[in-house]
Amino acid sequence: MGNSSIPEFHIHACFAAEKTLGTLAKWLRILGFDTLYEQDDWNSRGVDSEKQERMLLTRTKRIWEKNRSRKLIFIKSNHPFEQLKQVIQILGIDRADVRPFSRCVRCNTLIRRVDKALLRGRLPDYIWETHDTFQICNQ
């Protein structure tokens, strides 16, 4: 089950990871990639990867065989860091493509900087006193 026929893919497009790839989805978000992760089966819910320009990530052989013409990577390993390494190698992702900690790990939205003064009293004193920059998720 090779991936040599993967269509050309723009690194800044996004991913859709099936429910068995939650840790991979989390790490892709940490690296700044828009990654849809549904605990429900996104394939049966009609995620339209073509319209959304999402690269589908699956460990399910049936989904891989059914969708060979779509932008899809069949993830081979059970280990999250090997899975991440596979995605990085297949797509040729390099440091310039990565935007670490720019997305919320839980909800996938972009996070933004927030003025430190707005957080006074909302954080433990030690954290507020020892850090100068903070980011927040709008969700």
N, C-alpha and C. Protein backbone atom coordinates (compact mmCIF):
# COMPACT_ATOMS: atom_id res chain seq x y z
N MET A 1 0.83 -1.18 0.00
CA MET A 1 0.00 0.00 0.00
C MET A 1 0.88 1.24 0.00
N GLY A 2 1.45 1.53 -1.11
CA GLY A 2 2.32 2.70 -1.20
C GLY A 2 1.53 3.98 -1.39
N ASN A 3 2.25 5.07 -1.31
CA ASN A 3 1.62 6.38 -1.47
C ASN A 3 2.22 7.13 -2.65
N SER A 4 2.79 6.41 -3.59
CA SER A 4 3.48 7.07 -4.69
C SER A 4 2.53 7.79 -5.63
N SER A 5 1.24 7.48 -5.57
CA SER A 5 0.29 8.12 -6.48
C SER A 5 -0.47 9.27 -5.83
N ILE A 6 0.05 9.80 -4.73
CA ILE A 6 -0.61 10.91 -4.07
C ILE A 6 -0.58 12.13 -4.98
N PRO A 7 -1.74 12.75 -5.21
CA PRO A 7 -1.77 13.95 -6.06
C PRO A 7 -0.94 15.07 -5.44
N GLU A 8 -0.53 16.01 -6.28
CA GLU A 8 0.21 17.16 -5.77
C GLU A 8 -0.60 17.82 -4.66
N PHE A 9 0.09 18.20 -3.62
CA PHE A 9 -0.59 18.70 -2.42
C PHE A 9 0.13 19.92 -1.92
N HIS A 10 -0.62 20.96 -1.61
CA HIS A 10 -0.03 22.16 -1.06
C HIS A 10 0.11 21.99 0.44
N ILE A 11 1.33 22.19 0.95
CA ILE A 11 1.63 21.96 2.35
C ILE A 11 0.71 22.75 3.27
N HIS A 12 0.28 23.93 2.88
CA HIS A 12 -0.54 24.75 3.77
C HIS A 12 -2.01 24.39 3.73
N ALA A 13 -2.37 23.35 2.96
CA ALA A 13 -3.75 22.87 3.01
C ALA A 13 -3.94 22.12 4.33
N CYS A 14 -5.06 21.51 4.51
CA CYS A 14 -5.38 20.92 5.81
C CYS A 14 -5.60 19.41 5.73
N PHE A 15 -5.79 18.83 6.89
CA PHE A 15 -5.92 17.38 7.01
C PHE A 15 -7.26 17.01 7.62
N ALA A 16 -7.67 15.78 7.39
CA ALA A 16 -8.80 15.17 8.09
C ALA A 16 -8.30 13.81 8.55
N ALA A 17 -8.23 13.62 9.87
CA ALA A 17 -7.72 12.37 10.43
C ALA A 17 -8.87 11.56 11.00
N GLU A 18 -8.90 10.28 10.68
CA GLU A 18 -9.97 9.44 11.20
C GLU A 18 -9.79 9.19 12.69
N LYS A 19 -10.82 8.63 13.31
CA LYS A 19 -10.88 8.52 14.77
C LYS A 19 -9.74 7.73 15.39
N THR A 20 -9.10 6.86 14.65
CA THR A 20 -8.00 6.07 15.20
C THR A 20 -6.68 6.84 15.21
N LEU A 21 -6.68 8.06 14.70
CA LEU A 21 -5.44 8.84 14.57
C LEU A 21 -5.47 10.12 15.40
N GLY A 22 -6.05 10.04 16.58
CA GLY A 22 -6.19 11.22 17.44
C GLY A 22 -4.87 11.84 17.86
N THR A 23 -3.90 11.02 18.21
CA THR A 23 -2.61 11.57 18.64
C THR A 23 -1.88 12.20 17.46
N LEU A 24 -1.96 11.61 16.29
CA LEU A 24 -1.37 12.21 15.09
C LEU A 24 -2.04 13.55 14.81
N ALA A 25 -3.36 13.61 14.91
CA ALA A 25 -4.08 14.87 14.69
C ALA A 25 -3.60 15.94 15.66
N LYS A 26 -3.42 15.55 16.92
CA LYS A 26 -2.93 16.50 17.93
C LYS A 26 -1.56 17.04 17.56
N TRP A 27 -0.66 16.19 17.12
CA TRP A 27 0.69 16.64 16.77
C TRP A 27 0.70 17.50 15.52
N LEU A 28 -0.17 17.20 14.57
CA LEU A 28 -0.28 18.06 13.38
C LEU A 28 -0.77 19.45 13.78
N ARG A 29 -1.72 19.51 14.71
CA ARG A 29 -2.19 20.81 15.22
C ARG A 29 -1.07 21.54 15.96
N ILE A 30 -0.31 20.83 16.77
CA ILE A 30 0.81 21.45 17.48
C ILE A 30 1.78 22.09 16.49
N LEU A 31 1.97 21.44 15.36
CA LEU A 31 2.87 21.97 14.33
C LEU A 31 2.22 23.09 13.51
N GLY A 32 0.93 23.34 13.75
CA GLY A 32 0.26 24.45 13.09
C GLY A 32 -0.57 24.09 11.89
N PHE A 33 -0.81 22.81 11.65
CA PHE A 33 -1.59 22.39 10.50
C PHE A 33 -3.07 22.25 10.88
N ASP A 34 -3.94 22.81 10.04
CA ASP A 34 -5.39 22.71 10.22
C ASP A 34 -5.75 21.24 10.06
N THR A 35 -6.17 20.62 11.17
CA THR A 35 -6.42 19.19 11.15
C THR A 35 -7.78 18.89 11.77
N LEU A 36 -8.71 18.46 10.94
CA LEU A 36 -10.02 18.03 11.40
C LEU A 36 -9.87 16.64 11.99
N TYR A 37 -10.35 16.48 13.20
CA TYR A 37 -10.33 15.17 13.83
C TYR A 37 -11.68 14.94 14.46
N GLU A 38 -12.36 13.97 13.99
CA GLU A 38 -13.67 13.63 14.52
C GLU A 38 -13.57 12.26 15.15
N GLN A 39 -14.08 12.14 16.35
CA GLN A 39 -14.11 10.82 16.97
C GLN A 39 -15.12 9.93 16.27
N ASP A 40 -16.09 10.55 15.61
CA ASP A 40 -16.99 9.78 14.77
C ASP A 40 -16.29 9.57 13.44
N ASP A 41 -16.73 8.59 12.69
CA ASP A 41 -16.12 8.28 11.41
C ASP A 41 -16.42 9.38 10.40
N TRP A 42 -15.41 10.23 10.07
CA TRP A 42 -15.63 11.34 9.15
C TRP A 42 -15.97 10.87 7.76
N ASN A 43 -15.56 9.68 7.39
CA ASN A 43 -15.87 9.19 6.05
C ASN A 43 -17.38 8.97 5.90
N SER A 44 -18.03 8.43 6.93
CA SER A 44 -19.47 8.19 6.84
C SER A 44 -20.26 9.48 7.02
N ARG A 45 -19.66 10.52 7.60
CA ARG A 45 -20.35 11.79 7.81
C ARG A 45 -20.20 12.72 6.61
N GLY A 46 -19.47 12.27 5.60
CA GLY A 46 -19.41 13.05 4.38
C GLY A 46 -18.43 14.19 4.38
N VAL A 47 -17.27 14.04 5.03
CA VAL A 47 -16.25 15.08 4.93
C VAL A 47 -15.82 15.15 3.48
N ASP A 48 -16.02 16.29 2.86
CA ASP A 48 -15.69 16.44 1.46
C ASP A 48 -14.28 17.00 1.35
N SER A 49 -13.30 16.10 1.31
CA SER A 49 -11.91 16.52 1.30
C SER A 49 -11.55 17.27 0.03
N GLU A 50 -12.22 16.96 -1.06
CA GLU A 50 -11.90 17.63 -2.31
C GLU A 50 -12.28 19.11 -2.24
N LYS A 51 -13.48 19.43 -1.73
CA LYS A 51 -13.91 20.82 -1.61
C LYS A 51 -13.11 21.55 -0.55
N GLN A 52 -12.79 20.86 0.55
CA GLN A 52 -12.09 21.49 1.65
C GLN A 52 -10.57 21.44 1.48
N GLU A 53 -10.11 20.81 0.43
CA GLU A 53 -8.68 20.61 0.17
C GLU A 53 -8.00 19.94 1.36
N ARG A 54 -8.64 18.94 1.92
CA ARG A 54 -8.08 18.21 3.05
C ARG A 54 -7.43 16.92 2.57
N MET A 55 -6.26 16.66 3.11
CA MET A 55 -5.58 15.40 2.90
C MET A 55 -6.14 14.43 3.92
N LEU A 56 -6.76 13.36 3.45
CA LEU A 56 -7.34 12.38 4.35
C LEU A 56 -6.23 11.48 4.91
N LEU A 57 -6.26 11.25 6.21
CA LEU A 57 -5.32 10.37 6.88
C LEU A 57 -6.11 9.20 7.45
N THR A 58 -5.76 7.99 7.04
CA THR A 58 -6.52 6.82 7.46
C THR A 58 -5.61 5.66 7.80
N ARG A 59 -6.12 4.80 8.66
CA ARG A 59 -5.47 3.51 8.97
C ARG A 59 -6.39 2.39 8.52
N THR A 60 -7.50 2.74 7.89
CA THR A 60 -8.51 1.76 7.50
C THR A 60 -8.31 1.37 6.04
N LYS A 61 -7.96 0.11 5.84
CA LYS A 61 -7.68 -0.39 4.50
C LYS A 61 -8.87 -0.20 3.56
N ARG A 62 -10.08 -0.42 4.06
CA ARG A 62 -11.29 -0.28 3.25
C ARG A 62 -11.43 1.15 2.72
N ILE A 63 -11.18 2.14 3.59
CA ILE A 63 -11.27 3.55 3.18
C ILE A 63 -10.17 3.86 2.17
N TRP A 64 -8.97 3.35 2.40
CA TRP A 64 -7.85 3.59 1.48
C TRP A 64 -8.17 3.02 0.10
N GLU A 65 -8.67 1.78 0.06
CA GLU A 65 -8.97 1.15 -1.23
C GLU A 65 -10.11 1.85 -1.96
N LYS A 66 -11.10 2.33 -1.22
CA LYS A 66 -12.28 2.99 -1.80
C LYS A 66 -11.96 4.38 -2.34
N ASN A 67 -10.93 5.03 -1.80
CA ASN A 67 -10.67 6.44 -2.11
C ASN A 67 -9.29 6.68 -2.72
N ARG A 68 -8.78 5.76 -3.47
CA ARG A 68 -7.43 5.88 -4.02
C ARG A 68 -7.23 7.09 -4.92
N SER A 69 -8.30 7.58 -5.51
CA SER A 69 -8.15 8.73 -6.42
C SER A 69 -8.12 10.05 -5.66
N ARG A 70 -8.43 10.03 -4.37
CA ARG A 70 -8.48 11.25 -3.57
C ARG A 70 -7.12 11.49 -2.91
N LYS A 71 -6.98 12.68 -2.32
CA LYS A 71 -5.78 13.00 -1.57
C LYS A 71 -5.85 12.26 -0.24
N LEU A 72 -5.10 11.19 -0.13
CA LEU A 72 -5.20 10.32 1.03
C LEU A 72 -3.85 9.70 1.34
N ILE A 73 -3.55 9.58 2.61
CA ILE A 73 -2.35 8.87 3.04
C ILE A 73 -2.79 7.73 3.92
N PHE A 74 -2.37 6.53 3.57
CA PHE A 74 -2.61 5.36 4.42
C PHE A 74 -1.49 5.32 5.44
N ILE A 75 -1.84 5.50 6.71
CA ILE A 75 -0.87 5.51 7.80
C ILE A 75 -0.54 4.08 8.19
N LYS A 76 0.73 3.73 8.15
CA LYS A 76 1.14 2.35 8.35
C LYS A 76 1.43 1.99 9.80
N SER A 77 1.99 2.90 10.56
CA SER A 77 2.46 2.59 11.90
C SER A 77 1.37 2.77 12.96
N ASN A 78 1.55 2.08 14.08
CA ASN A 78 0.69 2.26 15.26
C ASN A 78 1.25 3.33 16.18
N HIS A 79 2.46 3.78 15.93
CA HIS A 79 3.16 4.71 16.82
C HIS A 79 3.04 6.14 16.29
N PRO A 80 2.52 7.06 17.13
CA PRO A 80 2.25 8.44 16.67
C PRO A 80 3.44 9.16 16.05
N PHE A 81 4.65 9.01 16.61
CA PHE A 81 5.78 9.73 16.03
C PHE A 81 6.21 9.13 14.69
N GLU A 82 6.02 7.85 14.52
CA GLU A 82 6.28 7.23 13.21
C GLU A 82 5.22 7.69 12.20
N GLN A 83 3.98 7.83 12.67
CA GLN A 83 2.91 8.32 11.80
C GLN A 83 3.22 9.74 11.34
N LEU A 84 3.63 10.59 12.28
CA LEU A 84 3.98 11.97 11.95
C LEU A 84 5.15 12.01 10.98
N LYS A 85 6.14 11.19 11.23
CA LYS A 85 7.31 11.11 10.35
C LYS A 85 6.88 10.71 8.93
N GLN A 86 5.95 9.76 8.82
CA GLN A 86 5.47 9.32 7.51
C GLN A 86 4.81 10.48 6.77
N VAL A 87 3.93 11.22 7.44
CA VAL A 87 3.23 12.35 6.81
C VAL A 87 4.25 13.40 6.36
N ILE A 88 5.19 13.73 7.23
CA ILE A 88 6.22 14.73 6.92
C ILE A 88 7.04 14.31 5.70
N GLN A 89 7.45 13.05 5.66
CA GLN A 89 8.27 12.57 4.54
C GLN A 89 7.49 12.53 3.23
N ILE A 90 6.27 12.02 3.27
CA ILE A 90 5.48 11.90 2.04
C ILE A 90 5.20 13.27 1.43
N LEU A 91 4.87 14.25 2.27
CA LEU A 91 4.51 15.57 1.76
C LEU A 91 5.69 16.51 1.62
N GLY A 92 6.86 16.09 2.08
CA GLY A 92 8.04 16.95 1.97
C GLY A 92 7.94 18.19 2.85
N ILE A 93 7.31 18.05 4.00
CA ILE A 93 7.17 19.17 4.93
C ILE A 93 8.54 19.50 5.51
N ASP A 94 8.88 20.80 5.54
CA ASP A 94 10.13 21.22 6.18
C ASP A 94 9.83 22.32 7.20
N ARG A 95 10.87 22.81 7.83
CA ARG A 95 10.70 23.80 8.91
C ARG A 95 9.93 25.03 8.47
N ALA A 96 10.09 25.45 7.24
CA ALA A 96 9.40 26.66 6.76
C ALA A 96 7.88 26.46 6.69
N ASP A 97 7.43 25.21 6.62
CA ASP A 97 6.00 24.92 6.52
C ASP A 97 5.31 24.85 7.89
N VAL A 98 6.10 24.79 8.94
CA VAL A 98 5.57 24.56 10.28
C VAL A 98 5.34 25.89 11.00
N ARG A 99 4.21 26.00 11.68
CA ARG A 99 3.85 27.17 12.50
C ARG A 99 3.50 26.68 13.90
N PRO A 100 4.51 26.30 14.70
CA PRO A 100 4.24 25.67 15.99
C PRO A 100 3.35 26.51 16.91
N PHE A 101 2.46 25.83 17.58
CA PHE A 101 1.59 26.41 18.60
C PHE A 101 0.75 27.57 18.07
N SER A 102 0.34 27.49 16.82
CA SER A 102 -0.51 28.52 16.24
C SER A 102 -1.99 28.10 16.22
N ARG A 103 -2.26 26.85 16.60
CA ARG A 103 -3.63 26.33 16.63
C ARG A 103 -3.93 25.72 18.00
N CYS A 104 -5.16 25.78 18.38
CA CYS A 104 -5.60 25.14 19.62
C CYS A 104 -5.56 23.62 19.41
N VAL A 105 -4.93 22.93 20.33
CA VAL A 105 -4.81 21.47 20.22
C VAL A 105 -6.18 20.81 20.39
N ARG A 106 -7.05 21.41 21.18
CA ARG A 106 -8.36 20.80 21.43
C ARG A 106 -9.37 21.04 20.32
N CYS A 107 -9.47 22.30 19.83
CA CYS A 107 -10.56 22.61 18.89
C CYS A 107 -10.08 22.98 17.48
N ASN A 108 -8.78 23.12 17.28
CA ASN A 108 -8.19 23.35 15.96
C ASN A 108 -8.27 24.80 15.47
N THR A 109 -8.87 25.72 16.23
CA THR A 109 -8.94 27.11 15.78
C THR A 109 -7.59 27.79 15.97
N LEU A 110 -7.37 28.84 15.20
CA LEU A 110 -6.14 29.61 15.36
C LEU A 110 -6.16 30.29 16.72
N ILE A 111 -5.01 30.34 17.36
CA ILE A 111 -4.93 31.04 18.63
C ILE A 111 -4.32 32.41 18.39
N ARG A 112 -4.56 33.32 19.33
CA ARG A 112 -4.06 34.69 19.15
C ARG A 112 -3.37 35.15 20.43
N ARG A 113 -2.50 36.12 20.25
CA ARG A 113 -1.85 36.73 21.41
C ARG A 113 -2.85 37.53 22.20
N VAL A 114 -2.65 37.58 23.50
CA VAL A 114 -3.53 38.35 24.37
C VAL A 114 -2.65 39.18 25.30
N ASP A 115 -3.09 40.38 25.57
CA ASP A 115 -2.36 41.28 26.44
C ASP A 115 -2.28 40.69 27.84
N LYS A 116 -1.09 40.70 28.40
CA LYS A 116 -0.85 40.13 29.72
C LYS A 116 -1.77 40.74 30.78
N ALA A 117 -2.00 42.04 30.69
CA ALA A 117 -2.82 42.73 31.69
C ALA A 117 -4.24 42.17 31.75
N LEU A 118 -4.74 41.69 30.64
CA LEU A 118 -6.09 41.13 30.61
C LEU A 118 -6.21 39.82 31.38
N LEU A 119 -5.08 39.20 31.66
CA LEU A 119 -5.09 37.90 32.33
C LEU A 119 -4.82 37.98 33.83
N ARG A 120 -4.56 39.17 34.32
CA ARG A 120 -4.28 39.33 35.76
C ARG A 120 -5.45 38.77 36.58
N GLY A 121 -5.12 37.95 37.53
CA GLY A 121 -6.12 37.33 38.38
C GLY A 121 -6.75 36.07 37.80
N ARG A 122 -6.46 35.78 36.54
CA ARG A 122 -7.02 34.58 35.90
C ARG A 122 -6.01 33.45 35.81
N LEU A 123 -4.76 33.76 36.16
CA LEU A 123 -3.67 32.78 36.10
C LEU A 123 -3.04 32.66 37.48
N PRO A 124 -2.38 31.54 37.74
CA PRO A 124 -1.61 31.47 38.98
C PRO A 124 -0.58 32.60 39.02
N ASP A 125 -0.34 33.18 40.18
CA ASP A 125 0.58 34.31 40.33
C ASP A 125 1.94 34.04 39.72
N TYR A 126 2.49 32.87 39.97
CA TYR A 126 3.83 32.55 39.48
C TYR A 126 3.88 32.62 37.95
N ILE A 127 2.88 32.07 37.30
CA ILE A 127 2.84 32.09 35.83
C ILE A 127 2.74 33.53 35.33
N TRP A 128 1.83 34.31 35.92
CA TRP A 128 1.65 35.70 35.50
C TRP A 128 2.92 36.51 35.70
N GLU A 129 3.65 36.27 36.78
CA GLU A 129 4.87 37.03 37.09
C GLU A 129 6.07 36.61 36.27
N THR A 130 6.13 35.38 35.82
CA THR A 130 7.34 34.88 35.14
C THR A 130 7.21 34.82 33.62
N HIS A 131 6.06 35.13 33.07
CA HIS A 131 5.87 35.09 31.62
C HIS A 131 5.36 36.44 31.13
N ASP A 132 5.77 36.78 29.90
CA ASP A 132 5.36 38.07 29.33
C ASP A 132 4.40 37.94 28.16
N THR A 133 4.46 36.83 27.46
CA THR A 133 3.56 36.66 26.31
C THR A 133 2.62 35.50 26.56
N PHE A 134 1.38 35.71 26.14
CA PHE A 134 0.35 34.70 26.32
C PHE A 134 -0.48 34.62 25.06
N GLN A 135 -1.01 33.41 24.82
CA GLN A 135 -1.89 33.20 23.69
C GLN A 135 -3.18 32.56 24.21
N ILE A 136 -4.25 32.79 23.46
CA ILE A 136 -5.55 32.29 23.90
C ILE A 136 -6.33 31.78 22.69
N CYS A 137 -7.15 30.78 22.95
CA CYS A 137 -8.07 30.25 21.94
C CYS A 137 -9.39 31.00 22.09
N ASN A 138 -9.97 31.41 21.00
CA ASN A 138 -11.25 32.14 21.05
C ASN A 138 -12.42 31.24 21.46
N GLN A 139 -12.24 29.95 21.35
CA GLN A 139 -13.31 29.03 21.71
C GLN A 139 -13.31 28.79 23.20
